[in-house]
Amino acid sequence: MTYALYSKALGHTNLHFEYVDGDIRRVVHEDQSIDIGINPVDWTKAMLFGRRVKTEFLPTRIRPTTNQSRMPDFARAQLAHVCTAKFRDVVESLEPGVHQFVPVEVVRKNGDHVADMFWFVVCNRLDTLELDLLRPPVSKLGFYSGLSNDPRIVFNRSKIEPHHVWIDKRVIGEFVWVSDAFHDAAMSAGLLGLKLNPKETV
């Protein structure tokens, strides 16, 4: 089974972050070669594209827009994802040294420390769909939009293995996909703030 990885609110309030410093609009990939979907990459997608980034302009501090003090293990921070060391350890246990984890401090508006977290940059950019079973089919440019009255997205296990966390280069949208093994490891570790939505896999 393949799962779509989403962030989930802890309690009744969704967690949102502001960037304190840095300039995420200037973050670029280390590898800027051409493949499906790059023409070139819009700056808003740089952290969610499946490639390692240059860290020069990454914010080093972010702040929550609410007074929530309990940080989830995985969260969306505007145009990127952040995670805890606990989440990082689960990913590293499955794919050591593959993905990018860059330290970022969570602070209050007055500068008080809240938590140490990491920018989480997925660094597997794969082509994992079972093209013959998709509904609707991919576009002439090779993309899958999911725009249909009865959409069907299907993944091919042989295209996924041996990977566990990835971005699919054909899927339009900012989705992170994960494997059964990640699902099981995340549940075993008791990670908070994750929603794992199963998808058909053949």
C-alpha atoms as a PDB file:
ATOM      1  CA  MET A   1       0.000   0.000   0.000  1.00  0.00           C
ATOM      2  CA  THR A   2       1.041   3.578  -0.692  1.00  0.00           C
ATOM      3  CA  TYR A   3      -0.004   6.390   1.639  1.00  0.00           C
ATOM      4  CA  ALA A   4      -0.376  10.124   1.124  1.00  0.00           C
ATOM      5  CA  LEU A   5       1.269  11.914   4.060  1.00  0.00           C
ATOM      6  CA  TYR A   6      -0.580  14.942   5.421  1.00  0.00           C
ATOM      7  CA  SER A   7      -0.199  17.072   8.529  1.00  0.00           C
ATOM      8  CA  LYS A   8      -3.000  16.909  11.094  1.00  0.00           C
ATOM      9  CA  ALA A   9      -3.969  19.396  13.785  1.00  0.00           C
ATOM     10  CA  LEU A  10      -3.314  18.571  17.426  1.00  0.00           C
ATOM     11  CA  GLY A  11      -6.566  19.522  19.104  1.00  0.00           C
ATOM     12  CA  HIS A  12      -9.020  21.898  17.476  1.00  0.00           C
ATOM     13  CA  THR A  13      -6.625  24.503  16.082  1.00  0.00           C
ATOM     14  CA  ASN A  14      -4.597  24.155  12.905  1.00  0.00           C
ATOM     15  CA  LEU A  15      -0.972  25.121  13.372  1.00  0.00           C
ATOM     16  CA  HIS A  16       0.436  27.811  11.098  1.00  0.00           C
ATOM     17  CA  PHE A  17       3.941  29.271  11.023  1.00  0.00           C
ATOM     18  CA  GLU A  18       5.512  32.555   9.973  1.00  0.00           C
ATOM     19  CA  TYR A  19       9.109  32.843   8.787  1.00  0.00           C
ATOM     20  CA  VAL A  20      11.203  35.039  11.095  1.00  0.00           C
ATOM     21  CA  ASP A  21      14.264  35.319   8.874  1.00  0.00           C
ATOM     22  CA  GLY A  22      15.704  33.937   5.641  1.00  0.00           C
ATOM     23  CA  ASP A  23      14.138  34.298   2.198  1.00  0.00           C
ATOM     24  CA  ILE A  24      12.484  31.108   1.036  1.00  0.00           C
ATOM     25  CA  ARG A  25      11.739  32.701  -2.339  1.00  0.00           C
ATOM     26  CA  ARG A  26      15.473  32.425  -3.081  1.00  0.00           C
ATOM     27  CA  VAL A  27      15.840  28.751  -2.163  1.00  0.00           C
ATOM     28  CA  VAL A  28      16.902  26.660  -5.185  1.00  0.00           C
ATOM     29  CA  HIS A  29      17.766  23.030  -5.857  1.00  0.00           C
ATOM     30  CA  GLU A  30      21.291  21.679  -5.918  1.00  0.00           C
ATOM     31  CA  ASP A  31      20.299  19.736  -9.062  1.00  0.00           C
ATOM     32  CA  GLN A  32      18.456  21.930 -11.546  1.00  0.00           C
ATOM     33  CA  SER A  33      18.465  19.502 -14.475  1.00  0.00           C
ATOM     34  CA  ILE A  34      15.329  19.061 -16.573  1.00  0.00           C
ATOM     35  CA  ASP A  35      12.732  16.336 -16.060  1.00  0.00           C
ATOM     36  CA  ILE A  36       8.936  16.083 -16.074  1.00  0.00           C
ATOM     37  CA  GLY A  37       7.502  19.218 -14.539  1.00  0.00           C
ATOM     38  CA  ILE A  38      10.580  21.453 -14.492  1.00  0.00           C
ATOM     39  CA  ASN A  39      10.259  24.397 -16.807  1.00  0.00           C
ATOM     40  CA  PRO A  40      11.715  25.816 -14.532  1.00  0.00           C
ATOM     41  CA  VAL A  41      10.495  25.079 -10.990  1.00  0.00           C
ATOM     42  CA  ASP A  42       8.391  27.853  -9.484  1.00  0.00           C
ATOM     43  CA  TRP A  43       9.983  29.110  -6.259  1.00  0.00           C
ATOM     44  CA  THR A  44       6.844  28.179  -4.318  1.00  0.00           C
ATOM     45  CA  LYS A  45       7.492  24.492  -5.092  1.00  0.00           C
ATOM     46  CA  ALA A  46      11.222  24.316  -4.377  1.00  0.00           C
ATOM     47  CA  MET A  47      10.895  22.704  -0.939  1.00  0.00           C
ATOM     48  CA  LEU A  48       8.198  20.256  -2.067  1.00  0.00           C
ATOM     49  CA  PHE A  49       9.709  18.975  -5.292  1.00  0.00           C
ATOM     50  CA  GLY A  50      11.736  15.930  -4.311  1.00  0.00           C
ATOM     51  CA  ARG A  51      15.224  17.381  -4.681  1.00  0.00           C
ATOM     52  CA  ARG A  52      17.864  18.554  -2.231  1.00  0.00           C
ATOM     53  CA  VAL A  53      18.026  22.331  -1.789  1.00  0.00           C
ATOM     54  CA  LYS A  54      20.764  24.853  -1.149  1.00  0.00           C
ATOM     55  CA  THR A  55      20.333  26.079   2.419  1.00  0.00           C
ATOM     56  CA  GLU A  56      21.805  29.596   2.213  1.00  0.00           C
ATOM     57  CA  PHE A  57      18.428  31.360   2.299  1.00  0.00           C
ATOM     58  CA  LEU A  58      16.444  28.911   4.423  1.00  0.00           C
ATOM     59  CA  PRO A  59      14.893  30.528   7.508  1.00  0.00           C
ATOM     60  CA  THR A  60      16.646  29.545  10.733  1.00  0.00           C
ATOM     61  CA  ARG A  61      13.672  30.560  12.898  1.00  0.00           C
ATOM     62  CA  ILE A  62       9.921  30.233  12.505  1.00  0.00           C
ATOM     63  CA  ARG A  63       7.092  31.155  14.853  1.00  0.00           C
ATOM     64  CA  PRO A  64       3.612  29.699  15.328  1.00  0.00           C
ATOM     65  CA  THR A  65       0.744  32.105  14.767  1.00  0.00           C
ATOM     66  CA  THR A  66      -1.142  30.639  17.753  1.00  0.00           C
ATOM     67  CA  ASN A  67      -0.118  30.062  21.372  1.00  0.00           C
ATOM     68  CA  GLN A  68       0.122  26.315  20.887  1.00  0.00           C
ATOM     69  CA  SER A  69       3.139  25.013  22.804  1.00  0.00           C
ATOM     70  CA  ARG A  70       2.902  21.346  21.847  1.00  0.00           C
ATOM     71  CA  MET A  71       4.599  20.803  18.500  1.00  0.00           C
ATOM     72  CA  PRO A  72       3.537  17.948  16.197  1.00  0.00           C
ATOM     73  CA  ASP A  73       6.151  15.599  14.788  1.00  0.00           C
ATOM     74  CA  PHE A  74       5.264  16.695  11.242  1.00  0.00           C
ATOM     75  CA  ALA A  75       3.735  19.981  10.076  1.00  0.00           C
ATOM     76  CA  ARG A  76       3.339  22.263   7.104  1.00  0.00           C
ATOM     77  CA  ALA A  77       5.132  25.595   7.393  1.00  0.00           C
ATOM     78  CA  GLN A  78       3.724  27.601   4.492  1.00  0.00           C
ATOM     79  CA  LEU A  79       5.779  26.432   1.494  1.00  0.00           C
ATOM     80  CA  ALA A  80       7.623  23.596   3.223  1.00  0.00           C
ATOM     81  CA  HIS A  81       7.456  20.856   5.840  1.00  0.00           C
ATOM     82  CA  VAL A  82       9.025  20.780   9.289  1.00  0.00           C
ATOM     83  CA  CYS A  83       9.487  17.823  11.594  1.00  0.00           C
ATOM     84  CA  THR A  84      10.889  16.743  14.940  1.00  0.00           C
ATOM     85  CA  ALA A  85      13.944  14.617  15.628  1.00  0.00           C
ATOM     86  CA  LYS A  86      11.555  11.746  16.361  1.00  0.00           C
ATOM     87  CA  PHE A  87      10.109  11.946  12.838  1.00  0.00           C
ATOM     88  CA  ARG A  88      13.592  12.303  11.364  1.00  0.00           C
ATOM     89  CA  ASP A  89      14.721   9.161  13.169  1.00  0.00           C
ATOM     90  CA  VAL A  90      11.880   7.141  11.642  1.00  0.00           C
ATOM     91  CA  VAL A  91      12.782   8.324   8.136  1.00  0.00           C
ATOM     92  CA  GLU A  92      16.498   7.742   8.718  1.00  0.00           C
ATOM     93  CA  SER A  93      15.836   4.198   9.948  1.00  0.00           C
ATOM     94  CA  LEU A  94      14.341   3.397   6.538  1.00  0.00           C
ATOM     95  CA  GLU A  95      16.409   5.571   4.192  1.00  0.00           C
ATOM     96  CA  PRO A  96      19.597   6.662   5.958  1.00  0.00           C
ATOM     97  CA  GLY A  97      21.263   9.722   4.474  1.00  0.00           C
ATOM     98  CA  VAL A  98      18.757  10.143   1.635  1.00  0.00           C
ATOM     99  CA  HIS A  99      16.599  13.068   2.734  1.00  0.00           C
ATOM    100  CA  GLN A 100      17.514  16.556   3.914  1.00  0.00           C
ATOM    101  CA  PHE A 101      16.939  17.684   7.499  1.00  0.00           C
ATOM    102  CA  VAL A 102      18.010  21.263   8.228  1.00  0.00           C
ATOM    103  CA  PRO A 103      17.720  22.641  11.801  1.00  0.00           C
ATOM    104  CA  VAL A 104      15.139  25.368  12.411  1.00  0.00           C
ATOM    105  CA  GLU A 105      14.183  26.915  15.750  1.00  0.00           C
ATOM    106  CA  VAL A 106      10.556  27.516  16.692  1.00  0.00           C
ATOM    107  CA  VAL A 107      10.213  30.752  18.685  1.00  0.00           C
ATOM    108  CA  ARG A 108       7.488  32.933  20.153  1.00  0.00           C
ATOM    109  CA  LYS A 109       6.782  36.438  18.900  1.00  0.00           C
ATOM    110  CA  ASN A 110       8.969  37.769  21.729  1.00  0.00           C
ATOM    111  CA  GLY A 111      11.811  35.471  20.661  1.00  0.00           C
ATOM    112  CA  ASP A 112      11.404  32.885  23.425  1.00  0.00           C
ATOM    113  CA  HIS A 113      12.421  29.369  22.454  1.00  0.00           C
ATOM    114  CA  VAL A 114       9.607  26.847  21.867  1.00  0.00           C
ATOM    115  CA  ALA A 115      11.213  23.872  20.139  1.00  0.00           C
ATOM    116  CA  ASP A 116      14.021  22.654  17.929  1.00  0.00           C
ATOM    117  CA  MET A 117      12.750  21.193  14.668  1.00  0.00           C
ATOM    118  CA  PHE A 118      14.011  20.491  11.149  1.00  0.00           C
ATOM    119  CA  TRP A 119      13.098  21.522   7.658  1.00  0.00           C
ATOM    120  CA  PHE A 120      12.185  18.226   6.009  1.00  0.00           C
ATOM    121  CA  VAL A 121      13.047  18.086   2.309  1.00  0.00           C
ATOM    122  CA  VAL A 122      12.094  14.866   0.535  1.00  0.00           C
ATOM    123  CA  CYS A 123      14.942  13.906  -1.799  1.00  0.00           C
ATOM    124  CA  ASN A 124      13.391  11.065  -3.796  1.00  0.00           C
ATOM    125  CA  ARG A 125      11.720  12.313  -6.984  1.00  0.00           C
ATOM    126  CA  LEU A 126      10.255   9.240  -8.658  1.00  0.00           C
ATOM    127  CA  ASP A 127       7.912   8.104 -11.433  1.00  0.00           C
ATOM    128  CA  THR A 128       5.711   5.602  -9.570  1.00  0.00           C
ATOM    129  CA  LEU A 129       2.215   5.663 -11.095  1.00  0.00           C
ATOM    130  CA  GLU A 130       0.621   2.705 -12.900  1.00  0.00           C
ATOM    131  CA  LEU A 131      -0.226   4.722 -15.994  1.00  0.00           C
ATOM    132  CA  ASP A 132      -2.662   2.240 -17.580  1.00  0.00           C
ATOM    133  CA  LEU A 133      -4.989   2.303 -14.557  1.00  0.00           C
ATOM    134  CA  LEU A 134      -5.247   6.037 -13.876  1.00  0.00           C
ATOM    135  CA  ARG A 135      -8.500   7.922 -14.138  1.00  0.00           C
ATOM    136  CA  PRO A 136      -8.300  10.385 -15.753  1.00  0.00           C
ATOM    137  CA  PRO A 137      -5.228   9.396 -17.799  1.00  0.00           C
ATOM    138  CA  VAL A 138      -2.126  11.556 -17.708  1.00  0.00           C
ATOM    139  CA  SER A 139      -2.196  14.709 -19.800  1.00  0.00           C
ATOM    140  CA  LYS A 140      -0.341  15.173 -23.071  1.00  0.00           C
ATOM    141  CA  LEU A 141       2.498  16.658 -21.022  1.00  0.00           C
ATOM    142  CA  GLY A 142       2.600  13.565 -18.807  1.00  0.00           C
ATOM    143  CA  PHE A 143       0.924  14.879 -15.636  1.00  0.00           C
ATOM    144  CA  TYR A 144      -1.815  13.363 -13.475  1.00  0.00           C
ATOM    145  CA  SER A 145      -4.313  15.927 -12.180  1.00  0.00           C
ATOM    146  CA  GLY A 146      -6.926  13.710 -10.515  1.00  0.00           C
ATOM    147  CA  LEU A 147      -9.610  16.020 -11.939  1.00  0.00           C
ATOM    148  CA  SER A 148     -12.485  13.642 -12.628  1.00  0.00           C
ATOM    149  CA  ASN A 149     -15.936  12.780 -11.304  1.00  0.00           C
ATOM    150  CA  ASP A 150     -14.518   9.377 -10.406  1.00  0.00           C
ATOM    151  CA  PRO A 151     -10.720   9.752 -10.049  1.00  0.00           C
ATOM    152  CA  ARG A 152      -8.468   6.749  -9.582  1.00  0.00           C
ATOM    153  CA  ILE A 153      -4.803   7.036  -8.684  1.00  0.00           C
ATOM    154  CA  VAL A 154      -2.829   3.788  -8.703  1.00  0.00           C
ATOM    155  CA  PHE A 155       0.821   3.239  -7.785  1.00  0.00           C
ATOM    156  CA  ASN A 156       3.159   0.567  -9.124  1.00  0.00           C
ATOM    157  CA  ARG A 157       5.010  -1.253  -6.347  1.00  0.00           C
ATOM    158  CA  SER A 158       7.891  -2.249  -8.617  1.00  0.00           C
ATOM    159  CA  LYS A 159       8.518   1.431  -9.417  1.00  0.00           C
ATOM    160  CA  ILE A 160       8.495   2.356  -5.740  1.00  0.00           C
ATOM    161  CA  GLU A 161      10.781  -0.279  -4.247  1.00  0.00           C
ATOM    162  CA  PRO A 162      13.149   0.092  -2.445  1.00  0.00           C
ATOM    163  CA  HIS A 163      12.064   3.667  -1.579  1.00  0.00           C
ATOM    164  CA  HIS A 164       9.940   4.701   1.392  1.00  0.00           C
ATOM    165  CA  VAL A 165       9.352   8.478   1.134  1.00  0.00           C
ATOM    166  CA  TRP A 166       9.061  10.267  -2.190  1.00  0.00           C
ATOM    167  CA  ILE A 167       7.529  12.905  -4.433  1.00  0.00           C
ATOM    168  CA  ASP A 168       5.936  11.600  -7.632  1.00  0.00           C
ATOM    169  CA  LYS A 169       7.018  13.716 -10.572  1.00  0.00           C
ATOM    170  CA  ARG A 170       3.741  13.211 -12.484  1.00  0.00           C
ATOM    171  CA  VAL A 171       1.247  14.108  -9.754  1.00  0.00           C
ATOM    172  CA  ILE A 172       0.066  17.716  -9.759  1.00  0.00           C
ATOM    173  CA  GLY A 173      -0.046  19.037  -6.207  1.00  0.00           C
ATOM    174  CA  GLU A 174       2.207  19.105  -3.184  1.00  0.00           C
ATOM    175  CA  PHE A 175       1.919  15.483  -2.070  1.00  0.00           C
ATOM    176  CA  VAL A 176       4.390  13.385  -0.104  1.00  0.00           C
ATOM    177  CA  TRP A 177       3.990   9.631  -0.608  1.00  0.00           C
ATOM    178  CA  VAL A 178       5.170   6.955   1.814  1.00  0.00           C
ATOM    179  CA  SER A 179       5.409   3.179   1.975  1.00  0.00           C
ATOM    180  CA  ASP A 180       3.844   0.503   4.168  1.00  0.00           C
ATOM    181  CA  ALA A 181       7.108   0.310   6.076  1.00  0.00           C
ATOM    182  CA  PHE A 182       6.995   4.035   6.854  1.00  0.00           C
ATOM    183  CA  HIS A 183       3.366   3.754   7.944  1.00  0.00           C
ATOM    184  CA  ASP A 184       4.177   0.906  10.314  1.00  0.00           C
ATOM    185  CA  ALA A 185       7.289   2.624  11.707  1.00  0.00           C
ATOM    186  CA  ALA A 186       5.416   5.907  12.246  1.00  0.00           C
ATOM    187  CA  MET A 187       2.601   4.141  14.086  1.00  0.00           C
ATOM    188  CA  SER A 188       5.064   2.153  16.198  1.00  0.00           C
ATOM    189  CA  ALA A 189       6.956   5.337  17.134  1.00  0.00           C
ATOM    190  CA  GLY A 190       3.730   7.121  18.101  1.00  0.00           C
ATOM    191  CA  LEU A 191       4.349  10.095  15.811  1.00  0.00           C
ATOM    192  CA  LEU A 192       1.865  12.946  16.293  1.00  0.00           C
ATOM    193  CA  GLY A 193       0.395  15.317  13.731  1.00  0.00           C
ATOM    194  CA  LEU A 194       0.352  12.873  10.809  1.00  0.00           C
ATOM    195  CA  LYS A 195      -2.512  11.711   8.650  1.00  0.00           C
ATOM    196  CA  LEU A 196      -1.774   8.754   6.368  1.00  0.00           C
ATOM    197  CA  ASN A 197      -4.313   8.256   3.588  1.00  0.00           C
ATOM    198  CA  PRO A 198      -4.039   4.849   1.822  1.00  0.00           C
ATOM    199  CA  LYS A 199      -3.887   4.664  -1.980  1.00  0.00           C
ATOM    200  CA  GLU A 200      -4.260   1.743  -4.363  1.00  0.00           C
ATOM    201  CA  THR A 201      -0.993  -0.011  -5.202  1.00  0.00           C
ATOM    202  CA  VAL A 202      -0.447  -2.911  -7.611  1.00  0.00           C
END
